[in-house]
Amino acid sequence: MEKEEVKACAPSNVQESDMAAVKRLQEAYEKLRKQLGHNIIGMQQVIEQLLIAIFCRGHCLLVGVPGLAKTLLIKSLAMCLNLKFSRIQFTPDLMPADITGTEVIQEDKTTGERQLVFLKGPIFANIILADEINRTPPKTQAALLEAMQEYQVTAGGKKHDLDLPFFVLATQNPIEQEGTYPLPEAQLDRFMFMINVDYPSEQEEFEIMKLTTTVQDIRLEKVLDKEEILRVQDIVRRVPIADHVINYAIKVVRATRVGKPEAADFVKEWLSWGAGPRAAQYLILGGKARALLYGRYYVSCDDIAAVAHPVLRHRLITNFNAEAEGITSDRITDKLLELIQKTQE
């Protein structure tokens, strides 16, 4: 979409600088996809959802079997965004201080005085890869909560601010559950998206084999920096949204709540718990960011529907009936979107 077309779609009170930023973001998005394509084959939808979450100040949980390049994708993304990257391998013996940092006694060689000095942990970065987050006990998992929500950590009674922008991109293995500690619903709700990383197609797997079994000297270019990302995060929240689109997002969320009159029959049959208000917030924010990525300064119902699956995937708690029939939260979301679409026609 050209700049004139973008401007025509935008409200009259939009600043020219914001329109220039929208155009710049769309160009950066295309360049990011091209740069990541040097290292990552396929995964276009995963890349789009990751960028949407980042531009919304959200965190992501990536679920996929080993060997699908989840770590490589996140590391490559940090390089293209010129952000400090830190990887934390979660293990059963990991302690909260191993993540946040700890206070140690240091002696001043000139005066001989001793004082407590805070040594920052690996969480003091911009993009945190929490690898296999369900392999560490709840006490250590909870150490991430304050950082994810408040952008700070507390050690020795003192608060230490984290550098912005700050994102937690956690991975989880769906096939190996022995010796794991499943995340509680309250902590899952802190993640904006749960992103499924699926197997590549046959052609994509062919390209992966060609790329990874030969000598390659791949250098990724920097596309955005901290200041530009923070600016985009601010613009996302200023994107206007019509009341009927907000109502659409609310209808999607309220229709998941078992025991409420808005819930459909299949929801009452397959769900034991539905999504809370935070889901509607993330639907709207995700729709705004997606609109910007596609060069639009307005949000449509299609934008809301496009982010419904990663937003609701970990917020819809299926019951025994659904599990016995092989019904997933994604299928329930599909039926919800179809139902709401029919009611609006």
Protein backbone atom coordinates (compact mmCIF):
# COMPACT_ATOMS: atom_id res chain seq x y z
CA MET A 1 0.00 0.00 0.00
CA GLU A 2 1.43 3.39 -0.97
CA LYS A 3 1.76 6.29 1.44
CA GLU A 4 -1.13 8.17 -0.23
CA GLU A 5 -3.39 5.12 0.21
CA VAL A 6 -2.38 4.74 3.88
CA LYS A 7 -3.07 8.41 4.49
CA ALA A 8 -6.47 8.14 2.84
CA CYS A 9 -7.44 5.31 5.22
CA ALA A 10 -6.36 7.21 8.32
CA PRO A 11 -8.47 9.67 10.36
CA SER A 12 -7.96 13.37 9.70
CA ASN A 13 -6.37 14.01 13.10
CA VAL A 14 -3.45 11.60 12.52
CA GLN A 15 -0.08 13.31 12.61
CA GLU A 16 2.07 13.25 9.50
CA SER A 17 4.94 11.86 11.56
CA ASP A 18 2.78 8.89 12.56
CA MET A 19 1.90 8.19 8.94
CA ALA A 20 5.58 8.27 8.06
CA ALA A 21 6.20 5.82 10.91
CA VAL A 22 3.48 3.50 9.57
CA LYS A 23 5.12 3.51 6.15
CA ARG A 24 8.53 2.93 7.73
CA LEU A 25 7.15 0.01 9.81
CA GLN A 26 5.62 -1.66 6.77
CA GLU A 27 8.94 -1.38 4.92
CA ALA A 28 10.82 -2.67 7.99
CA TYR A 29 8.42 -5.62 8.25
CA GLU A 30 9.14 -6.67 4.67
CA LYS A 31 12.86 -6.22 5.23
CA LEU A 32 12.71 -8.25 8.46
CA ARG A 33 11.00 -11.12 6.69
CA LYS A 34 13.66 -11.01 3.99
CA GLN A 35 16.53 -10.93 6.48
CA LEU A 36 15.13 -13.72 8.62
CA GLY A 37 14.63 -15.74 5.44
CA HIS A 38 18.42 -16.04 5.19
CA ASN A 39 18.40 -18.11 8.40
CA ILE A 40 14.82 -19.32 8.74
CA ILE A 41 12.89 -21.24 6.11
CA GLY A 42 9.11 -20.78 6.20
CA MET A 43 7.49 -19.88 9.56
CA GLN A 44 6.00 -16.68 8.10
CA GLN A 45 2.97 -16.78 10.37
CA VAL A 46 5.16 -17.40 13.43
CA ILE A 47 7.36 -14.43 12.51
CA GLU A 48 4.33 -12.19 12.02
CA GLN A 49 2.85 -13.17 15.39
CA LEU A 50 6.18 -12.63 17.17
CA LEU A 51 6.50 -9.13 15.71
CA ILE A 52 2.90 -8.29 16.59
CA ALA A 53 3.55 -9.27 20.22
CA ILE A 54 6.80 -7.29 20.34
CA PHE A 55 5.12 -4.15 18.99
CA CYS A 56 2.36 -4.60 21.60
CA ARG A 57 4.85 -4.99 24.50
CA GLY A 58 3.66 -8.57 24.88
CA HIS A 59 5.35 -11.84 25.74
CA CYS A 60 5.08 -15.11 23.80
CA LEU A 61 5.08 -18.81 24.56
CA LEU A 62 6.30 -20.90 21.61
CA VAL A 63 5.21 -24.52 21.61
CA GLY A 64 6.83 -27.03 19.28
CA VAL A 65 8.85 -30.23 19.19
CA PRO A 66 12.66 -30.01 19.33
CA GLY A 67 14.61 -29.14 16.20
CA LEU A 68 12.20 -26.65 14.63
CA ALA A 69 14.63 -23.68 14.94
CA LYS A 70 12.72 -21.86 17.70
CA THR A 71 15.95 -20.76 19.38
CA LEU A 72 17.56 -19.76 16.08
CA LEU A 73 14.49 -17.73 15.14
CA ILE A 74 14.48 -15.75 18.39
CA LYS A 75 18.23 -15.16 18.28
CA SER A 76 18.04 -14.02 14.65
CA LEU A 77 15.14 -11.72 15.48
CA ALA A 78 17.14 -10.09 18.28
CA MET A 79 20.02 -9.46 15.85
CA CYS A 80 17.72 -7.87 13.25
CA LEU A 81 16.12 -5.66 15.91
CA ASN A 82 19.53 -4.71 17.37
CA LEU A 83 18.48 -5.84 20.85
CA LYS A 84 20.47 -7.47 23.64
CA PHE A 85 19.71 -11.19 23.68
CA SER A 86 19.91 -13.55 26.65
CA ARG A 87 19.14 -17.25 26.79
CA ILE A 88 18.13 -18.98 30.01
CA GLN A 89 18.04 -22.78 29.94
CA PHE A 90 15.44 -23.78 32.52
CA THR A 91 16.34 -26.86 34.54
CA PRO A 92 14.93 -28.44 37.73
CA ASP A 93 17.80 -27.04 39.84
CA LEU A 94 17.52 -23.44 38.57
CA MET A 95 16.96 -20.92 41.38
CA PRO A 96 15.26 -17.48 41.14
CA ALA A 97 18.57 -15.70 41.86
CA ASP A 98 20.09 -17.48 38.86
CA ILE A 99 17.66 -15.48 36.72
CA THR A 100 17.30 -12.13 38.46
CA GLY A 101 20.77 -11.77 39.97
CA THR A 102 22.08 -11.64 43.50
CA GLU A 103 23.87 -9.39 45.96
CA VAL A 104 27.49 -10.15 46.80
CA ILE A 105 29.99 -8.57 49.19
CA GLN A 106 32.80 -6.72 47.46
CA GLU A 107 35.79 -5.02 49.05
CA ASP A 108 37.04 -1.65 47.88
CA LYS A 109 40.79 -2.15 47.41
CA THR A 110 41.60 1.49 48.10
CA THR A 111 39.60 2.00 51.31
CA GLY A 112 39.21 -1.60 52.47
CA GLU A 113 35.48 -1.05 52.96
CA ARG A 114 33.07 -3.83 52.19
CA GLN A 115 29.70 -3.26 50.59
CA LEU A 116 26.87 -5.19 48.97
CA VAL A 117 26.86 -5.00 45.20
CA PHE A 118 24.04 -6.31 43.01
CA LEU A 119 25.23 -8.53 40.19
CA LYS A 120 22.64 -8.52 37.42
CA GLY A 121 21.35 -11.85 36.18
CA PRO A 122 20.61 -12.87 32.59
CA ILE A 123 17.14 -11.35 32.77
CA PHE A 124 18.72 -7.93 32.28
CA ALA A 125 18.48 -8.00 28.51
CA ASN A 126 15.91 -6.92 25.91
CA ILE A 127 14.88 -10.32 24.52
CA ILE A 128 14.87 -13.24 26.95
CA LEU A 129 14.71 -16.75 25.58
CA ALA A 130 13.25 -18.84 28.42
CA ASP A 131 14.10 -22.25 27.00
CA GLU A 132 11.83 -25.10 28.17
CA ILE A 133 10.16 -22.97 30.81
CA ASN A 134 8.11 -25.91 32.09
CA ARG A 135 11.25 -27.77 33.24
CA THR A 136 11.87 -25.57 36.27
CA PRO A 137 9.93 -25.52 39.58
CA PRO A 138 7.13 -22.99 40.19
CA LYS A 139 9.29 -20.85 42.49
CA THR A 140 11.68 -20.10 39.64
CA GLN A 141 8.88 -19.74 37.09
CA ALA A 142 7.29 -17.15 39.37
CA ALA A 143 10.53 -15.14 39.36
CA LEU A 144 9.60 -14.12 35.82
CA LEU A 145 6.19 -12.75 36.81
CA GLU A 146 7.36 -9.46 38.28
CA ALA A 147 9.73 -8.86 35.38
CA MET A 148 7.07 -9.66 32.77
CA GLN A 149 4.41 -7.45 34.33
CA GLU A 150 6.31 -4.67 36.11
CA TYR A 151 9.54 -4.55 34.07
CA GLN A 152 11.59 -4.72 37.25
CA VAL A 153 13.10 -7.25 39.63
CA THR A 154 13.44 -7.08 43.40
CA ALA A 155 16.57 -8.33 45.18
CA GLY A 156 17.55 -7.63 48.76
CA GLY A 157 14.52 -5.39 49.17
CA LYS A 158 15.66 -3.11 46.32
CA LYS A 159 13.95 -2.71 42.98
CA HIS A 160 16.01 -2.78 39.81
CA ASP A 161 14.48 -1.53 36.57
CA LEU A 162 14.89 -3.55 33.39
CA ASP A 163 16.01 -2.02 30.13
CA LEU A 164 13.19 -1.34 27.66
CA PRO A 165 12.03 -2.78 25.39
CA PHE A 166 11.76 -6.07 27.28
CA PHE A 167 10.24 -9.33 26.04
CA VAL A 168 10.10 -12.87 27.38
CA LEU A 169 9.89 -15.43 24.58
CA ALA A 170 9.51 -18.82 26.25
CA THR A 171 9.60 -22.24 24.62
CA GLN A 172 7.83 -25.41 25.67
CA ASN A 173 8.10 -29.00 24.47
CA PRO A 174 4.59 -30.47 23.97
CA ILE A 175 5.57 -34.14 23.73
CA GLU A 176 7.72 -34.72 26.81
CA GLN A 177 5.83 -34.15 30.06
CA GLU A 178 7.74 -36.34 32.54
CA GLY A 179 9.65 -34.30 35.07
CA THR A 180 8.00 -31.04 34.03
CA TYR A 181 6.09 -28.37 35.93
CA PRO A 182 3.13 -27.16 33.82
CA LEU A 183 2.61 -23.43 34.01
CA PRO A 184 -0.47 -22.44 36.07
CA GLU A 185 -3.27 -20.58 34.29
CA ALA A 186 -2.44 -17.33 36.08
CA GLN A 187 1.08 -17.37 34.66
CA LEU A 188 -0.03 -18.53 31.22
CA ASP A 189 -2.31 -15.50 31.13
CA ARG A 190 0.77 -13.25 31.31
CA PHE A 191 1.75 -14.35 27.83
CA MET A 192 0.03 -12.38 25.08
CA PHE A 193 0.37 -15.19 22.52
CA MET A 194 0.82 -18.92 22.56
CA ILE A 195 2.37 -19.66 19.16
CA ASN A 196 2.35 -23.13 17.67
CA VAL A 197 5.52 -23.95 15.74
CA ASP A 198 4.60 -26.76 13.37
CA TYR A 199 6.66 -29.07 11.15
CA PRO A 200 7.84 -27.53 7.87
CA SER A 201 6.27 -28.48 4.56
CA GLU A 202 8.09 -30.90 2.27
CA GLN A 203 9.47 -28.08 0.10
CA GLU A 204 10.51 -26.07 3.18
CA GLU A 205 12.26 -29.11 4.63
CA PHE A 206 14.12 -29.55 1.33
CA GLU A 207 15.30 -25.91 1.53
CA ILE A 208 16.32 -26.42 5.19
CA MET A 209 18.49 -29.39 4.23
CA LYS A 210 20.21 -27.36 1.50
CA LEU A 211 20.78 -24.44 3.86
CA THR A 212 22.04 -26.32 6.91
CA THR A 213 24.25 -28.99 5.37
CA THR A 214 26.59 -26.70 3.44
CA VAL A 215 29.07 -23.99 4.40
CA GLN A 216 27.20 -20.72 4.95
CA ASP A 217 28.42 -17.28 6.00
CA ILE A 218 25.16 -15.54 6.82
CA ARG A 219 25.25 -12.05 8.31
CA LEU A 220 21.95 -10.47 9.23
CA GLU A 221 21.45 -6.73 8.85
CA LYS A 222 19.95 -4.55 11.57
CA VAL A 223 16.50 -3.35 10.55
CA LEU A 224 15.17 -1.54 13.65
CA ASP A 225 16.69 -0.30 16.90
CA LYS A 226 15.47 0.28 20.45
CA GLU A 227 14.22 3.81 19.89
CA GLU A 228 12.24 2.85 16.79
CA ILE A 229 10.66 -0.14 18.55
CA LEU A 230 9.61 2.00 21.51
CA ARG A 231 8.17 4.55 19.07
CA VAL A 232 6.17 1.84 17.28
CA GLN A 233 4.87 0.53 20.63
CA ASP A 234 3.56 4.01 21.36
CA ILE A 235 1.95 4.36 17.92
CA VAL A 236 0.20 0.97 18.24
CA ARG A 237 -1.77 2.21 21.24
CA ARG A 238 -2.78 5.37 19.36
CA VAL A 239 -4.23 3.52 16.39
CA PRO A 240 -7.96 4.33 16.28
CA ILE A 241 -10.47 1.51 16.44
CA ALA A 242 -14.20 1.65 15.72
CA ASP A 243 -16.74 0.70 18.38
CA HIS A 244 -18.12 -2.18 16.31
CA VAL A 245 -14.62 -3.73 16.12
CA ILE A 246 -14.22 -3.44 19.90
CA ASN A 247 -17.63 -5.08 20.30
CA TYR A 248 -16.51 -7.86 17.96
CA ALA A 249 -13.47 -8.59 20.18
CA ILE A 250 -15.65 -8.52 23.29
CA LYS A 251 -18.19 -10.90 21.74
CA VAL A 252 -15.44 -13.39 20.90
CA VAL A 253 -14.16 -13.38 24.48
CA ARG A 254 -17.54 -13.36 26.24
CA ALA A 255 -18.70 -16.27 24.10
CA THR A 256 -16.03 -18.47 25.74
CA ARG A 257 -17.34 -18.06 29.28
CA VAL A 258 -19.11 -21.16 30.48
CA GLY A 259 -22.25 -20.43 32.47
CA LYS A 260 -22.85 -17.06 30.84
CA PRO A 261 -25.82 -16.49 28.50
CA GLU A 262 -23.50 -15.52 25.63
CA ALA A 263 -21.83 -18.95 25.62
CA ALA A 264 -22.76 -21.28 22.76
CA ASP A 265 -23.84 -24.86 23.37
CA PHE A 266 -20.55 -26.33 22.15
CA VAL A 267 -18.68 -24.02 24.53
CA LYS A 268 -20.68 -25.35 27.48
CA GLU A 269 -20.02 -28.89 26.28
CA TRP A 270 -16.26 -28.60 25.68
CA LEU A 271 -14.90 -25.91 28.01
CA SER A 272 -14.46 -25.84 31.76
CA TRP A 273 -13.14 -22.27 31.80
CA GLY A 274 -13.12 -19.36 29.36
CA ALA A 275 -11.02 -16.26 28.70
CA GLY A 276 -10.88 -13.16 30.90
CA PRO A 277 -10.80 -9.44 30.02
CA ARG A 278 -7.06 -9.56 29.30
CA ALA A 279 -7.86 -11.67 26.24
CA ALA A 280 -10.02 -8.86 24.79
CA GLN A 281 -7.26 -6.35 25.50
CA TYR A 282 -4.73 -8.47 23.61
CA LEU A 283 -7.16 -9.06 20.74
CA ILE A 284 -7.52 -5.32 20.28
CA LEU A 285 -3.82 -4.52 20.69
CA GLY A 286 -2.85 -7.41 18.40
CA GLY A 287 -5.35 -6.20 15.80
CA LYS A 288 -3.87 -2.71 15.94
CA ALA A 289 -0.31 -3.97 15.47
CA ARG A 290 -1.35 -6.26 12.61
CA ALA A 291 -3.06 -3.36 10.86
CA LEU A 292 0.16 -1.35 11.06
CA LEU A 293 2.21 -4.23 9.67
CA TYR A 294 -0.09 -4.24 6.66
CA GLY A 295 0.18 -0.47 6.20
CA ARG A 296 -3.20 0.51 7.66
CA TYR A 297 -3.95 3.04 10.38
CA TYR A 298 -7.30 1.48 11.26
CA VAL A 299 -8.41 -1.90 12.61
CA SER A 300 -10.87 -4.29 10.99
CA CYS A 301 -12.67 -7.35 12.37
CA ASP A 302 -10.39 -9.46 10.16
CA ASP A 303 -7.40 -8.19 12.16
CA ILE A 304 -9.08 -9.32 15.38
CA ALA A 305 -9.90 -12.73 13.92
CA ALA A 306 -6.32 -13.14 12.66
CA VAL A 307 -4.89 -12.96 16.20
CA ALA A 308 -7.72 -14.84 17.94
CA HIS A 309 -6.02 -18.26 17.87
CA PRO A 310 -2.70 -17.29 19.56
CA VAL A 311 -4.58 -15.13 22.09
CA LEU A 312 -7.18 -17.75 23.07
CA ARG A 313 -5.11 -20.92 22.62
CA HIS A 314 -3.84 -20.97 26.22
CA ARG A 315 -6.85 -19.23 27.77
CA LEU A 316 -9.53 -21.77 26.86
CA ILE A 317 -9.43 -24.66 29.32
CA THR A 318 -10.98 -27.74 27.74
CA ASN A 319 -12.79 -30.34 29.83
CA PHE A 320 -12.80 -34.13 29.75
CA ASN A 321 -15.47 -34.28 27.03
CA ALA A 322 -13.33 -32.21 24.66
CA GLU A 323 -10.19 -34.21 25.39
CA ALA A 324 -12.05 -37.50 24.82
CA GLU A 325 -13.28 -36.26 21.43
CA GLY A 326 -9.92 -34.76 20.44
CA ILE A 327 -11.30 -31.21 20.46
CA THR A 328 -8.61 -28.53 20.82
CA SER A 329 -8.91 -24.88 21.81
CA ASP A 330 -8.05 -23.94 18.21
CA ARG A 331 -11.05 -25.85 16.88
CA ILE A 332 -13.30 -24.18 19.46
CA THR A 333 -11.94 -20.79 18.37
CA ASP A 334 -12.70 -21.65 14.74
CA LYS A 335 -16.31 -22.47 15.62
CA LEU A 336 -16.63 -19.28 17.69
CA LEU A 337 -15.41 -17.09 14.83
CA GLU A 338 -17.78 -18.83 12.40
CA LEU A 339 -20.70 -18.40 14.81
CA ILE A 340 -20.06 -14.69 15.43
CA GLN A 341 -19.56 -14.10 11.70
CA LYS A 342 -23.00 -15.63 10.99
CA THR A 343 -24.70 -13.49 13.64
CA GLN A 344 -23.26 -10.32 12.09
CA GLU A 345 -24.39 -11.14 8.56
